[in-house]
Amino acid sequence: MGDDTFIPYGAQWVDEADIEAMAEAMRSGWLTTGPRVADFEEGLSSLCQTEHAVAVNSGTAALHAAYFAAGLGPGDEIITSPLTFAATANAALYLGADVRLVDVREDTGNLDPARVEAAITERTKLIVPVDYAGHPADYDAFTDLAQRRGLKVVADQAHSLGAAYRGVPVQALPDLAAVSLHPVKPITTGEGGAVLTKDVGLATRCRDFRSHGLVRDRDRLSADHGPWYYEIQDQGFNYRLTDIQCALGSSQLQKLPTFISRRQEIARRYDAALADVEALRTPTWHDHVSHGWHLYVLRVTGDPDLRRPLFERMRAIGLGVQVHYVPVHHHPHFQGKVILGDSLSVADDFYARCISMPLFPRMTDEQVLSVVERTRQALGDVLGSQP
């Protein structure tokens, strides 16, 4: 492979088995609200060791449904990380709630439990940790804190399907977990997401919410006009995922362990190959977690102003690097709409230094080596000497 070959930061891996699964769904006559939705949900909940999975049409919809199921509404607050995509905050704003941003840990970029506890007010309803880059949040601390303060934990796990915390799939740990099934995520349904929970009541609220708040269960109706009768009993949206997409999801789910294993192998290769580069800091990860490695995020050391020229040079030589994320409070949309913690300096510094490297299961060893070589080349070009 020549050095001019573009390597993106992420990419899906859809094979012939996936394509055939979708074709079978299309031939079946069920394009949506059919049996493949339930099949996918059963497979997902089994893998994640939760009692319930509710498939929806995006990770944003999953967050929206999870917040709704947890009872979030006007006058309430969530506490979450600024180092996340906008959907984590937006989904709370959709429900009329407020968003309080609290700083992150310096090592992993995950929400800091001690800062969360200090930020709780009488209006706090939910703690919303984000498994940044695929590294599980501090679930022991957040679970203990939520239980002591009468709160729920709703986790943004868009990055961490397939990750584990102390040997347990991370989706089994919070009250509700929202995952993303976007093409660059651990598995894909094209676009999609899901809510996972062990609580049947929360799952029922999510199922109603994804389909207009519509109820057909005879035992839950306030009247019975006949077998055609249904009721809209609460707020809801059209957040349904199709049978075609769920067929793809079920096929992809079988390959998730292999995908995660390959991501972990690539991360280890990067760690080893870049350990001696003083101008770059490789990611921190803890022994008690099995990292999902949705992202491999380097940080420049020394002067953070190095990040932009390095990023631009890496792009110029064919590396599809990215920055995850522009912090929530930096966006014009959120000015005056989020409550800022006493200091968000750690998140701001993390953002000022970070670069997400190419990492996806279909990467070859040759591509991994090329990424390392081009990273060193770019750094040498920017610094004027080889690192």
Protein backbone atom coordinates (compact mmCIF):
# COMPACT_ATOMS: atom_id res chain seq x y z
CA MET A 1 0.00 0.00 0.00
CA GLY A 2 1.39 3.39 -0.98
CA ASP A 3 1.69 6.21 1.52
CA ASP A 4 -0.87 8.26 -0.39
CA THR A 5 -3.70 5.81 0.36
CA PHE A 6 -6.31 7.50 2.54
CA ILE A 7 -7.07 5.72 5.83
CA PRO A 8 -10.21 6.97 7.63
CA TYR A 9 -10.49 7.17 11.39
CA GLY A 10 -13.39 4.68 11.35
CA ALA A 11 -15.31 2.44 8.98
CA GLN A 12 -17.98 -0.24 9.05
CA TRP A 13 -17.33 -3.86 8.08
CA VAL A 14 -20.33 -5.25 6.19
CA ASP A 15 -19.78 -8.65 4.57
CA GLU A 16 -21.80 -10.97 2.34
CA ALA A 17 -23.49 -12.61 5.33
CA ASP A 18 -24.75 -9.19 6.43
CA ILE A 19 -26.01 -8.41 2.93
CA GLU A 20 -27.79 -11.75 2.68
CA ALA A 21 -29.43 -11.22 6.08
CA MET A 22 -30.85 -7.91 4.85
CA ALA A 23 -31.98 -9.47 1.57
CA GLU A 24 -33.80 -12.22 3.45
CA ALA A 25 -35.59 -9.59 5.52
CA MET A 26 -36.68 -7.79 2.36
CA ARG A 27 -37.97 -11.01 0.84
CA SER A 28 -39.89 -11.91 4.01
CA GLY A 29 -42.64 -9.33 3.61
CA TRP A 30 -41.81 -7.73 6.97
CA LEU A 31 -39.95 -4.47 6.39
CA THR A 32 -40.67 -2.90 9.78
CA THR A 33 -42.28 -3.71 13.17
CA GLY A 34 -41.75 -7.40 12.40
CA PRO A 35 -40.04 -10.40 14.01
CA ARG A 36 -36.48 -9.40 13.20
CA VAL A 37 -36.75 -6.42 15.54
CA ALA A 38 -37.53 -8.71 18.48
CA ASP A 39 -34.81 -11.15 17.36
CA PHE A 40 -32.20 -8.41 17.37
CA GLU A 41 -33.35 -7.07 20.73
CA GLU A 42 -33.19 -10.55 22.25
CA GLY A 43 -29.68 -11.13 20.93
CA LEU A 44 -28.48 -7.73 22.09
CA SER A 45 -29.92 -8.05 25.60
CA SER A 46 -28.47 -11.54 25.94
CA LEU A 47 -24.99 -10.42 24.95
CA CYS A 48 -25.18 -7.40 27.26
CA GLN A 49 -26.64 -9.39 30.20
CA THR A 50 -29.66 -7.12 30.49
CA GLU A 51 -33.26 -8.27 30.60
CA HIS A 52 -34.43 -5.87 27.91
CA ALA A 53 -33.22 -4.09 24.77
CA VAL A 54 -35.29 -1.54 22.86
CA ALA A 55 -34.08 -0.86 19.32
CA VAL A 56 -34.47 2.69 18.01
CA ASN A 57 -33.34 4.57 14.93
CA SER A 58 -30.31 6.43 16.34
CA GLY A 59 -28.10 6.79 19.39
CA THR A 60 -29.70 10.20 19.94
CA ALA A 61 -33.16 8.57 19.99
CA ALA A 62 -31.80 6.04 22.51
CA LEU A 63 -30.70 8.84 24.83
CA HIS A 64 -34.01 10.67 24.38
CA ALA A 65 -35.99 7.51 25.16
CA ALA A 66 -33.80 6.62 28.14
CA TYR A 67 -34.12 10.09 29.66
CA PHE A 68 -37.89 10.01 29.13
CA ALA A 69 -38.20 6.55 30.68
CA ALA A 70 -36.24 7.73 33.71
CA GLY A 71 -38.79 10.51 34.26
CA LEU A 72 -36.68 13.48 33.20
CA GLY A 73 -38.68 16.64 32.60
CA PRO A 74 -38.92 20.41 33.13
CA GLY A 75 -37.24 21.58 36.33
CA ASP A 76 -34.90 18.57 36.44
CA GLU A 77 -31.17 18.49 35.78
CA ILE A 78 -28.78 15.94 34.42
CA ILE A 79 -25.08 15.99 35.27
CA THR A 80 -22.86 14.94 32.41
CA SER A 81 -19.53 15.39 30.68
CA PRO A 82 -18.58 18.27 28.39
CA LEU A 83 -16.33 15.87 26.45
CA THR A 84 -19.07 14.26 24.39
CA PHE A 85 -21.15 14.71 21.27
CA ALA A 86 -23.98 17.24 21.40
CA ALA A 87 -26.69 14.54 21.59
CA THR A 88 -25.89 13.78 25.24
CA ALA A 89 -27.00 17.29 26.20
CA ASN A 90 -29.56 17.88 23.46
CA ALA A 91 -31.67 14.86 24.41
CA ALA A 92 -32.17 16.36 27.86
CA LEU A 93 -33.03 19.77 26.43
CA TYR A 94 -35.69 18.09 24.25
CA LEU A 95 -37.51 17.18 27.48
CA GLY A 96 -37.25 20.65 28.99
CA ALA A 97 -34.58 19.63 31.50
CA ASP A 98 -31.35 21.46 32.28
CA VAL A 99 -27.84 20.19 31.66
CA ARG A 100 -25.06 20.68 34.19
CA LEU A 101 -21.57 20.04 32.84
CA VAL A 102 -18.91 18.72 35.20
CA ASP A 103 -15.23 18.22 34.48
CA VAL A 104 -13.58 14.95 33.48
CA ARG A 105 -10.74 12.82 34.75
CA GLU A 106 -7.36 13.80 33.37
CA ASP A 107 -6.34 10.24 32.56
CA THR A 108 -9.32 8.74 30.67
CA GLY A 109 -11.42 11.77 29.76
CA ASN A 110 -14.37 10.19 31.60
CA LEU A 111 -16.68 12.04 33.97
CA ASP A 112 -15.09 12.62 37.40
CA PRO A 113 -17.24 11.06 40.20
CA ALA A 114 -15.92 13.38 42.92
CA ARG A 115 -16.81 16.46 40.88
CA VAL A 116 -20.25 14.99 40.14
CA GLU A 117 -21.01 14.51 43.83
CA ALA A 118 -20.01 18.09 44.57
CA ALA A 119 -22.29 19.36 41.76
CA ILE A 120 -25.51 17.59 42.81
CA THR A 121 -28.40 19.93 43.61
CA GLU A 122 -32.01 19.43 44.68
CA ARG A 123 -32.93 19.46 40.98
CA THR A 124 -30.52 16.71 39.93
CA LYS A 125 -32.42 13.73 38.48
CA LEU A 126 -29.85 11.77 36.48
CA ILE A 127 -26.12 11.12 36.44
CA VAL A 128 -25.08 10.62 32.82
CA PRO A 129 -21.55 9.23 32.47
CA VAL A 130 -20.07 8.88 28.98
CA ASP A 131 -17.81 5.92 28.18
CA TYR A 132 -15.39 8.14 26.30
CA ALA A 133 -13.58 6.38 23.43
CA GLY A 134 -14.88 3.03 24.73
CA HIS A 135 -13.26 3.15 28.19
CA PRO A 136 -15.95 2.35 30.79
CA ALA A 137 -16.77 5.09 33.27
CA ASP A 138 -16.34 4.64 37.04
CA TYR A 139 -19.51 2.60 37.52
CA ASP A 140 -18.79 1.52 41.09
CA ALA A 141 -18.55 5.14 42.15
CA PHE A 142 -21.55 6.32 40.13
CA THR A 143 -23.78 3.45 41.28
CA ASP A 144 -22.90 4.10 44.92
CA LEU A 145 -23.45 7.83 44.52
CA ALA A 146 -26.80 7.38 42.79
CA GLN A 147 -28.04 5.00 45.46
CA ARG A 148 -26.99 7.33 48.27
CA ARG A 149 -28.60 10.37 46.68
CA GLY A 150 -31.73 8.77 45.23
CA LEU A 151 -30.75 9.30 41.59
CA LYS A 152 -30.64 7.18 38.46
CA VAL A 153 -27.65 6.48 36.24
CA VAL A 154 -28.34 6.74 32.52
CA ALA A 155 -25.12 6.00 30.64
CA ASP A 156 -24.18 7.31 27.21
CA GLN A 157 -22.50 4.17 25.91
CA ALA A 158 -22.36 5.15 22.25
CA HIS A 159 -18.69 4.11 22.25
CA SER A 160 -18.68 1.04 24.46
CA LEU A 161 -20.82 -1.80 23.12
CA GLY A 162 -18.60 -4.84 23.70
CA ALA A 163 -16.65 -3.26 26.59
CA ALA A 164 -16.69 -4.63 30.14
CA TYR A 165 -16.16 -3.33 33.68
CA ARG A 166 -14.79 -5.80 36.23
CA GLY A 167 -15.80 -8.59 33.87
CA VAL A 168 -19.41 -7.42 33.39
CA PRO A 169 -20.73 -5.97 30.11
CA VAL A 170 -21.04 -2.24 30.72
CA GLN A 171 -24.66 -2.14 29.55
CA ALA A 172 -25.65 -4.23 32.59
CA LEU A 173 -24.39 -1.64 35.09
CA PRO A 174 -26.49 1.58 34.87
CA ASP A 175 -30.25 1.87 35.23
CA LEU A 176 -30.44 2.55 31.50
CA ALA A 177 -27.76 2.40 28.82
CA ALA A 178 -27.96 4.10 25.42
CA VAL A 179 -25.85 2.61 22.61
CA SER A 180 -25.25 3.77 19.05
CA LEU A 181 -25.30 1.60 15.94
CA HIS A 182 -23.86 4.19 13.54
CA PRO A 183 -21.46 2.83 10.87
CA VAL A 184 -18.28 3.82 12.75
CA LYS A 185 -19.47 2.27 16.03
CA PRO A 186 -18.65 -1.30 17.26
CA ILE A 187 -21.45 -2.79 15.13
CA THR A 188 -23.86 -1.07 12.78
CA THR A 189 -27.44 -1.14 11.56
CA GLY A 190 -26.72 1.69 9.10
CA GLU A 191 -28.17 4.24 11.46
CA GLY A 192 -29.59 3.08 14.75
CA GLY A 193 -29.35 2.76 18.50
CA ALA A 194 -30.79 0.88 21.45
CA VAL A 195 -31.68 1.28 25.10
CA LEU A 196 -30.73 -1.53 27.47
CA THR A 197 -32.07 -2.06 30.98
CA LYS A 198 -32.91 -4.75 33.51
CA ASP A 199 -36.12 -2.95 34.55
CA VAL A 200 -39.31 -4.02 32.76
CA GLY A 201 -41.09 -0.77 33.61
CA LEU A 202 -38.32 1.35 32.11
CA ALA A 203 -38.22 -0.88 29.03
CA THR A 204 -41.98 -0.53 28.56
CA ARG A 205 -41.75 3.26 28.71
CA CYS A 206 -38.98 3.17 26.08
CA ARG A 207 -41.02 0.89 23.80
CA ASP A 208 -44.04 3.18 24.03
CA PHE A 209 -41.89 6.26 23.46
CA ARG A 210 -40.31 4.93 20.25
CA SER A 211 -43.74 4.53 18.63
CA HIS A 212 -45.74 7.70 19.35
CA GLY A 213 -46.67 6.64 22.90
CA LEU A 214 -49.07 4.17 21.31
CA VAL A 215 -50.44 1.31 23.45
CA ARG A 216 -52.34 -1.75 22.19
CA ASP A 217 -51.96 -4.01 25.24
CA ARG A 218 -55.58 -4.67 26.32
CA ASP A 219 -54.58 -4.77 30.00
CA ARG A 220 -53.24 -1.20 29.80
CA LEU A 221 -56.10 0.47 27.91
CA SER A 222 -58.57 2.80 29.62
CA ALA A 223 -61.38 1.64 27.31
CA ASP A 224 -62.06 -1.14 24.80
CA HIS A 225 -63.91 -0.11 21.65
CA GLY A 226 -62.98 -3.31 19.83
CA PRO A 227 -59.99 -5.31 18.55
CA TRP A 228 -58.82 -2.33 16.47
CA TYR A 229 -58.58 0.00 19.46
CA TYR A 230 -55.37 1.64 20.63
CA GLU A 231 -54.51 4.67 22.78
CA ILE A 232 -51.82 7.34 22.77
CA GLN A 233 -51.10 7.39 26.47
CA ASP A 234 -48.00 9.58 26.65
CA GLN A 235 -45.48 11.58 24.68
CA GLY A 236 -43.77 9.61 21.94
CA PHE A 237 -41.98 9.79 18.60
CA ASN A 238 -41.46 7.67 15.51
CA TYR A 239 -38.11 6.24 16.57
CA ARG A 240 -38.64 2.72 15.21
CA LEU A 241 -35.83 0.66 13.66
CA THR A 242 -36.74 -1.41 10.60
CA ASP A 243 -36.58 -5.18 10.21
CA ILE A 244 -34.01 -4.69 7.44
CA GLN A 245 -31.75 -2.79 9.80
CA CYS A 246 -32.32 -5.28 12.62
CA ALA A 247 -31.42 -8.15 10.31
CA LEU A 248 -28.10 -6.39 9.69
CA GLY A 249 -27.74 -5.82 13.43
CA SER A 250 -28.29 -9.50 14.29
CA SER A 251 -25.71 -10.54 11.71
CA GLN A 252 -23.22 -7.95 12.97
CA LEU A 253 -23.83 -8.96 16.59
CA GLN A 254 -22.35 -12.39 15.91
CA LYS A 255 -19.07 -10.71 14.95
CA LEU A 256 -18.88 -8.21 17.81
CA PRO A 257 -16.37 -10.23 19.91
CA THR A 258 -14.09 -10.53 16.88
CA PHE A 259 -14.45 -6.83 16.10
CA ILE A 260 -13.59 -5.83 19.69
CA SER A 261 -10.64 -8.21 19.82
CA ARG A 262 -9.21 -6.67 16.65
CA ARG A 263 -9.73 -3.14 17.98
CA GLN A 264 -7.86 -4.10 21.15
CA GLU A 265 -5.02 -5.62 19.13
CA ILE A 266 -4.65 -2.47 17.03
CA ALA A 267 -4.61 -0.32 20.17
CA ARG A 268 -1.83 -2.48 21.65
CA ARG A 269 0.17 -2.08 18.43
CA TYR A 270 -0.21 1.68 18.55
CA ASP A 271 0.78 1.73 22.23
CA ALA A 272 3.97 -0.19 21.54
CA ALA A 273 4.89 1.68 18.36
CA LEU A 274 4.37 5.19 19.77
CA ALA A 275 5.57 4.70 23.36
CA ASP A 276 8.91 6.39 22.67
CA VAL A 277 7.46 9.51 21.03
CA GLU A 278 7.83 12.21 23.68
CA ALA A 279 5.66 14.71 21.82
CA LEU A 280 2.63 12.39 21.98
CA ARG A 281 0.74 10.83 24.89
CA THR A 282 -0.91 7.50 24.25
CA PRO A 283 -4.29 6.73 25.89
CA THR A 284 -4.59 5.62 29.51
CA TRP A 285 -6.66 2.55 30.29
CA HIS A 286 -7.22 0.69 33.56
CA ASP A 287 -6.70 -2.97 34.36
CA HIS A 288 -10.23 -3.51 35.69
CA VAL A 289 -11.83 -2.69 32.33
CA SER A 290 -11.99 -4.34 28.95
CA HIS A 291 -11.70 -1.29 26.69
CA GLY A 292 -13.98 -1.12 23.64
CA TRP A 293 -11.51 1.08 21.70
CA HIS A 294 -14.07 2.87 19.58
CA LEU A 295 -11.42 5.60 19.43
CA TYR A 296 -7.67 5.69 19.90
CA VAL A 297 -7.03 9.24 21.10
CA LEU A 298 -3.53 10.68 21.20
CA ARG A 299 -2.73 13.91 23.01
CA VAL A 300 0.13 16.25 22.14
CA THR A 301 2.42 17.03 25.05
CA GLY A 302 4.08 20.37 25.69
CA ASP A 303 2.52 23.22 23.75
CA PRO A 304 -1.09 22.42 22.74
CA ASP A 305 -0.64 24.70 19.73
CA LEU A 306 1.19 21.77 18.14
CA ARG A 307 -2.13 19.98 17.67
CA ARG A 308 -3.43 22.00 14.71
CA PRO A 309 -0.35 21.85 12.45
CA LEU A 310 0.11 18.18 13.30
CA PHE A 311 -3.53 17.43 12.53
CA GLU A 312 -3.35 19.31 9.24
CA ARG A 313 -0.13 17.57 8.21
CA MET A 314 -1.57 14.14 9.08
CA ARG A 315 -4.62 14.90 6.95
CA ALA A 316 -2.37 16.10 4.09
CA ILE A 317 -0.54 12.76 3.97
CA GLY A 318 -3.69 10.65 3.93
CA LEU A 319 -4.62 10.01 7.56
CA GLY A 320 -8.31 10.65 8.23
CA VAL A 321 -7.73 11.80 11.78
CA GLN A 322 -10.48 13.50 13.76
CA VAL A 323 -10.97 15.41 17.01
CA HIS A 324 -13.40 14.01 19.58
CA TYR A 325 -14.90 16.26 20.73
CA VAL A 326 -15.40 19.97 20.55
CA PRO A 327 -16.69 20.27 24.15
CA VAL A 328 -20.39 20.90 24.56
CA HIS A 329 -19.95 24.34 26.14
CA HIS A 330 -17.87 25.58 23.19
CA HIS A 331 -20.80 25.36 20.76
CA PRO A 332 -22.86 28.53 20.14
CA HIS A 333 -26.09 26.53 20.44
CA PHE A 334 -25.42 25.72 24.09
CA GLN A 335 -24.47 29.20 25.24
CA GLY A 336 -26.88 30.05 28.03
CA LYS A 337 -28.52 26.62 27.75
CA VAL A 338 -26.15 24.57 29.91
CA ILE A 339 -24.95 25.08 33.46
CA LEU A 340 -21.18 25.08 33.77
CA GLY A 341 -19.32 23.46 36.64
CA ASP A 342 -16.84 25.45 38.72
CA SER A 343 -14.10 24.54 36.26
CA LEU A 344 -14.00 22.59 33.02
CA SER A 345 -10.27 23.10 32.59
CA VAL A 346 -9.40 19.41 32.30
CA ALA A 347 -11.90 18.88 29.48
CA ASP A 348 -10.73 22.07 27.78
CA ASP A 349 -7.10 20.96 27.95
CA PHE A 350 -7.99 17.46 26.75
CA TYR A 351 -9.79 18.95 23.75
CA ALA A 352 -6.88 21.31 22.98
CA ARG A 353 -4.49 18.36 22.67
CA CYS A 354 -6.43 15.39 21.31
CA ILE A 355 -6.31 13.67 17.91
CA SER A 356 -8.29 10.50 17.11
CA MET A 357 -6.27 8.02 15.07
CA PRO A 358 -7.58 5.57 12.45
CA LEU A 359 -8.92 2.46 14.19
CA PHE A 360 -11.45 -0.01 12.79
CA PRO A 361 -11.60 -3.83 12.72
CA ARG A 362 -10.99 -4.18 9.00
CA MET A 363 -7.63 -2.41 9.18
CA THR A 364 -4.78 -4.59 7.99
CA ASP A 365 -1.48 -4.87 9.84
CA GLU A 366 0.07 -3.01 6.91
CA GLN A 367 -2.35 -0.13 7.38
CA VAL A 368 -1.62 -0.01 11.11
CA LEU A 369 2.11 0.18 10.37
CA SER A 370 1.49 2.85 7.73
CA VAL A 371 -0.49 4.95 10.23
CA VAL A 372 2.42 4.77 12.69
CA GLU A 373 4.98 5.66 10.01
CA ARG A 374 2.92 8.56 8.69
CA THR A 375 2.28 9.85 12.21
CA ARG A 376 6.00 9.93 12.87
CA GLN A 377 6.57 11.57 9.49
CA ALA A 378 3.95 14.24 10.16
CA LEU A 379 5.38 14.96 13.59
CA GLY A 380 8.88 15.25 12.11
CA ASP A 381 7.64 17.59 9.40
CA VAL A 382 5.97 19.84 11.97
CA LEU A 383 8.82 19.78 14.50
CA GLY A 384 11.58 19.95 11.90
CA SER A 385 13.19 16.73 13.12
CA GLN A 386 12.24 13.09 13.40
CA PRO A 387 10.71 12.17 16.77
